[in-house]
N, C-alpha and C. Protein backbone atom coordinates (compact mmCIF):
# COMPACT_ATOMS: atom_id res chain seq x y z
N MET A 1 61.58 117.01 109.68
CA MET A 1 62.03 116.90 108.30
C MET A 1 63.01 115.74 108.20
N GLY A 2 62.94 114.98 107.11
CA GLY A 2 63.76 113.78 106.94
C GLY A 2 65.16 114.07 106.45
N ASN A 3 65.92 113.02 106.38
CA ASN A 3 67.29 113.12 105.90
C ASN A 3 67.33 113.25 104.39
N ARG A 4 68.41 113.84 103.92
CA ARG A 4 68.69 113.93 102.49
C ARG A 4 70.06 113.33 102.24
N VAL A 5 70.27 112.84 101.05
CA VAL A 5 71.59 112.40 100.64
C VAL A 5 72.17 113.51 99.78
N ALA A 6 73.43 113.83 100.02
CA ALA A 6 74.07 114.90 99.28
C ALA A 6 75.55 114.59 99.08
N VAL A 7 76.13 115.25 98.10
CA VAL A 7 77.57 115.17 97.86
C VAL A 7 78.13 116.57 98.06
N ILE A 8 79.14 116.67 98.90
CA ILE A 8 79.84 117.95 99.09
C ILE A 8 81.17 117.85 98.36
N ALA A 9 81.37 118.73 97.40
CA ALA A 9 82.64 118.81 96.66
C ALA A 9 83.50 119.87 97.33
N ILE A 10 84.72 119.48 97.67
CA ILE A 10 85.63 120.37 98.39
C ILE A 10 86.93 120.49 97.61
N ILE A 11 87.38 121.72 97.40
CA ILE A 11 88.68 121.97 96.78
C ILE A 11 89.52 122.74 97.78
N ILE A 12 90.65 122.14 98.14
CA ILE A 12 91.58 122.77 99.08
C ILE A 12 92.76 123.31 98.27
N GLU A 13 92.80 124.63 98.12
CA GLU A 13 93.89 125.25 97.36
C GLU A 13 95.07 125.63 98.25
N ASP A 14 94.85 125.73 99.53
CA ASP A 14 95.92 125.98 100.50
C ASP A 14 96.10 124.68 101.29
N ILE A 15 97.10 123.90 100.91
CA ILE A 15 97.31 122.57 101.49
C ILE A 15 97.37 122.61 103.02
N GLU A 16 97.84 123.69 103.58
CA GLU A 16 97.95 123.80 105.04
C GLU A 16 96.58 123.85 105.72
N LYS A 17 95.51 124.03 104.96
CA LYS A 17 94.16 124.06 105.52
C LYS A 17 93.50 122.69 105.54
N ALA A 18 94.20 121.66 105.04
CA ALA A 18 93.63 120.32 104.99
C ALA A 18 93.28 119.82 106.39
N ALA A 19 94.09 120.13 107.37
CA ALA A 19 93.81 119.69 108.75
C ALA A 19 92.51 120.30 109.26
N ALA A 20 92.27 121.57 108.96
CA ALA A 20 91.03 122.23 109.39
C ALA A 20 89.81 121.58 108.73
N VAL A 21 89.93 121.21 107.47
CA VAL A 21 88.84 120.52 106.78
C VAL A 21 88.58 119.17 107.44
N ASN A 22 89.63 118.43 107.74
CA ASN A 22 89.47 117.12 108.37
C ASN A 22 88.83 117.22 109.75
N ILE A 23 89.13 118.30 110.49
CA ILE A 23 88.49 118.50 111.79
C ILE A 23 86.99 118.68 111.61
N CYS A 24 86.59 119.49 110.62
CA CYS A 24 85.15 119.68 110.35
C CYS A 24 84.49 118.37 109.96
N LEU A 25 85.14 117.62 109.09
CA LEU A 25 84.56 116.35 108.66
C LEU A 25 84.44 115.38 109.84
N HIS A 26 85.40 115.39 110.71
CA HIS A 26 85.35 114.50 111.89
C HIS A 26 84.16 114.84 112.79
N GLU A 27 83.83 116.13 112.90
CA GLU A 27 82.69 116.56 113.72
C GLU A 27 81.37 115.96 113.21
N TYR A 28 81.30 115.71 111.91
CA TYR A 28 80.07 115.21 111.28
C TYR A 28 80.23 113.76 110.83
N ALA A 29 81.16 113.02 111.41
CA ALA A 29 81.47 111.65 110.98
C ALA A 29 80.25 110.74 110.98
N ASP A 30 79.32 110.94 111.91
CA ASP A 30 78.14 110.08 111.98
C ASP A 30 77.23 110.24 110.77
N ASN A 31 77.34 111.35 110.06
CA ASN A 31 76.50 111.62 108.89
C ASN A 31 77.18 111.28 107.57
N ILE A 32 78.46 110.96 107.61
CA ILE A 32 79.21 110.72 106.39
C ILE A 32 79.11 109.26 105.98
N ILE A 33 78.66 109.04 104.73
CA ILE A 33 78.57 107.69 104.17
C ILE A 33 79.95 107.28 103.65
N GLY A 34 80.62 108.20 102.98
CA GLY A 34 81.94 107.91 102.43
C GLY A 34 82.59 109.16 101.89
N ARG A 35 83.89 109.07 101.66
CA ARG A 35 84.62 110.20 101.10
C ARG A 35 85.74 109.70 100.23
N MET A 36 86.10 110.52 99.24
CA MET A 36 87.21 110.20 98.36
C MET A 36 88.04 111.46 98.21
N GLY A 37 89.33 111.33 98.44
CA GLY A 37 90.22 112.47 98.30
C GLY A 37 91.26 112.21 97.23
N LEU A 38 91.51 113.24 96.44
CA LEU A 38 92.50 113.14 95.37
C LEU A 38 93.51 114.26 95.50
N PRO A 39 94.77 113.94 95.75
CA PRO A 39 95.77 114.99 95.73
C PRO A 39 96.12 115.31 94.28
N TYR A 40 96.16 116.59 93.95
CA TYR A 40 96.52 117.02 92.60
C TYR A 40 97.81 117.81 92.73
N LYS A 41 98.91 117.07 92.78
CA LYS A 41 100.22 117.65 93.10
C LYS A 41 100.67 118.70 92.09
N GLN A 42 100.35 118.50 90.82
CA GLN A 42 100.78 119.47 89.80
C GLN A 42 100.19 120.86 90.05
N LYS A 43 98.98 120.90 90.60
CA LYS A 43 98.31 122.18 90.88
C LYS A 43 98.40 122.56 92.36
N LYS A 44 99.05 121.71 93.15
CA LYS A 44 99.21 121.94 94.59
C LYS A 44 97.87 122.14 95.28
N MET A 45 96.95 121.21 95.03
CA MET A 45 95.63 121.26 95.66
C MET A 45 95.14 119.85 95.94
N ASN A 46 94.13 119.78 96.78
CA ASN A 46 93.45 118.52 97.07
C ASN A 46 91.98 118.66 96.72
N ILE A 47 91.40 117.60 96.20
CA ILE A 47 89.98 117.58 95.83
C ILE A 47 89.34 116.43 96.62
N ILE A 48 88.26 116.76 97.32
CA ILE A 48 87.59 115.76 98.16
C ILE A 48 86.11 115.76 97.82
N SER A 49 85.54 114.57 97.68
CA SER A 49 84.08 114.46 97.58
C SER A 49 83.60 113.68 98.80
N VAL A 50 82.57 114.21 99.43
CA VAL A 50 82.04 113.61 100.66
C VAL A 50 80.55 113.35 100.45
N VAL A 51 80.12 112.11 100.66
CA VAL A 51 78.71 111.75 100.55
C VAL A 51 78.14 111.69 101.96
N VAL A 52 77.05 112.42 102.17
CA VAL A 52 76.43 112.50 103.50
C VAL A 52 74.96 112.12 103.44
N ASP A 53 74.44 111.66 104.55
CA ASP A 53 73.02 111.36 104.73
C ASP A 53 72.63 112.02 106.04
N ALA A 54 71.91 113.14 105.94
CA ALA A 54 71.61 113.95 107.13
C ALA A 54 70.49 114.92 106.82
N PRO A 55 69.93 115.56 107.84
CA PRO A 55 68.95 116.61 107.59
C PRO A 55 69.59 117.77 106.81
N HIS A 56 68.77 118.47 106.03
CA HIS A 56 69.26 119.57 105.21
C HIS A 56 70.07 120.57 106.02
N ASP A 57 69.60 120.93 107.20
CA ASP A 57 70.31 121.91 108.03
C ASP A 57 71.70 121.43 108.42
N THR A 58 71.84 120.15 108.70
CA THR A 58 73.14 119.59 109.08
C THR A 58 74.11 119.62 107.90
N ILE A 59 73.62 119.24 106.73
CA ILE A 59 74.45 119.26 105.53
C ILE A 59 74.89 120.68 105.23
N SER A 60 73.95 121.61 105.31
CA SER A 60 74.25 123.01 105.05
C SER A 60 75.28 123.55 106.04
N ALA A 61 75.14 123.17 107.30
CA ALA A 61 76.08 123.62 108.33
C ALA A 61 77.49 123.11 108.04
N LEU A 62 77.61 121.84 107.68
CA LEU A 62 78.91 121.26 107.37
C LEU A 62 79.54 121.96 106.16
N SER A 63 78.78 122.08 105.09
CA SER A 63 79.28 122.72 103.89
C SER A 63 79.69 124.17 104.16
N GLY A 64 78.88 124.87 104.95
CA GLY A 64 79.19 126.25 105.28
C GLY A 64 80.45 126.39 106.10
N LYS A 65 80.63 125.52 107.09
CA LYS A 65 81.85 125.55 107.92
C LYS A 65 83.09 125.33 107.06
N ILE A 66 83.00 124.37 106.17
CA ILE A 66 84.15 124.07 105.32
C ILE A 66 84.41 125.22 104.36
N GLY A 67 83.35 125.76 103.77
CA GLY A 67 83.49 126.84 102.80
C GLY A 67 84.02 128.14 103.40
N ARG A 68 83.88 128.32 104.71
CA ARG A 68 84.39 129.52 105.36
C ARG A 68 85.88 129.44 105.70
N ILE A 69 86.48 128.28 105.50
CA ILE A 69 87.91 128.15 105.74
C ILE A 69 88.64 128.82 104.58
N GLU A 70 89.53 129.73 104.90
CA GLU A 70 90.26 130.45 103.85
C GLU A 70 91.10 129.46 103.04
N GLY A 71 91.06 129.60 101.72
CA GLY A 71 91.81 128.70 100.84
C GLY A 71 91.06 127.42 100.50
N VAL A 72 89.77 127.34 100.90
CA VAL A 72 88.96 126.15 100.66
C VAL A 72 87.63 126.56 100.05
N SER A 73 87.17 125.80 99.06
CA SER A 73 85.85 126.01 98.44
C SER A 73 85.02 124.76 98.64
N ALA A 74 83.71 124.94 98.85
CA ALA A 74 82.81 123.81 99.01
C ALA A 74 81.48 124.10 98.34
N LYS A 75 80.96 123.13 97.61
CA LYS A 75 79.64 123.21 96.98
C LYS A 75 78.91 121.90 97.24
N THR A 76 77.59 121.99 97.38
CA THR A 76 76.80 120.82 97.72
C THR A 76 75.76 120.53 96.65
N LEU A 77 75.60 119.25 96.34
CA LEU A 77 74.58 118.78 95.42
C LEU A 77 73.68 117.84 96.19
N TYR A 78 72.38 118.16 96.26
CA TYR A 78 71.41 117.39 97.05
C TYR A 78 70.65 116.41 96.16
N SER A 79 70.27 115.27 96.75
CA SER A 79 69.39 114.34 96.05
C SER A 79 68.00 114.99 95.97
N LYS A 80 67.17 114.51 95.07
CA LYS A 80 65.83 115.07 94.92
C LYS A 80 64.88 114.56 96.00
N ASN A 81 65.17 113.42 96.60
CA ASN A 81 64.30 112.84 97.63
C ASN A 81 64.83 113.11 98.99
């Protein structure tokens, strides 16, 4: 099965979990095209969008690992091709 392009939206509501998210992202660095992080200090949260190019299973594994971190939410949007 071929690679897909996807965007993983991550919301970190517990700032102390940011390091755990970065560890997960580092594990999949070869699949990451780019990322943008926005600190939202008024709400005490961070918002990150990560663009990946990888097989569906790899993208799902990354999103799942991040989403299982307490205080963190992750959702994925896949390209159609």
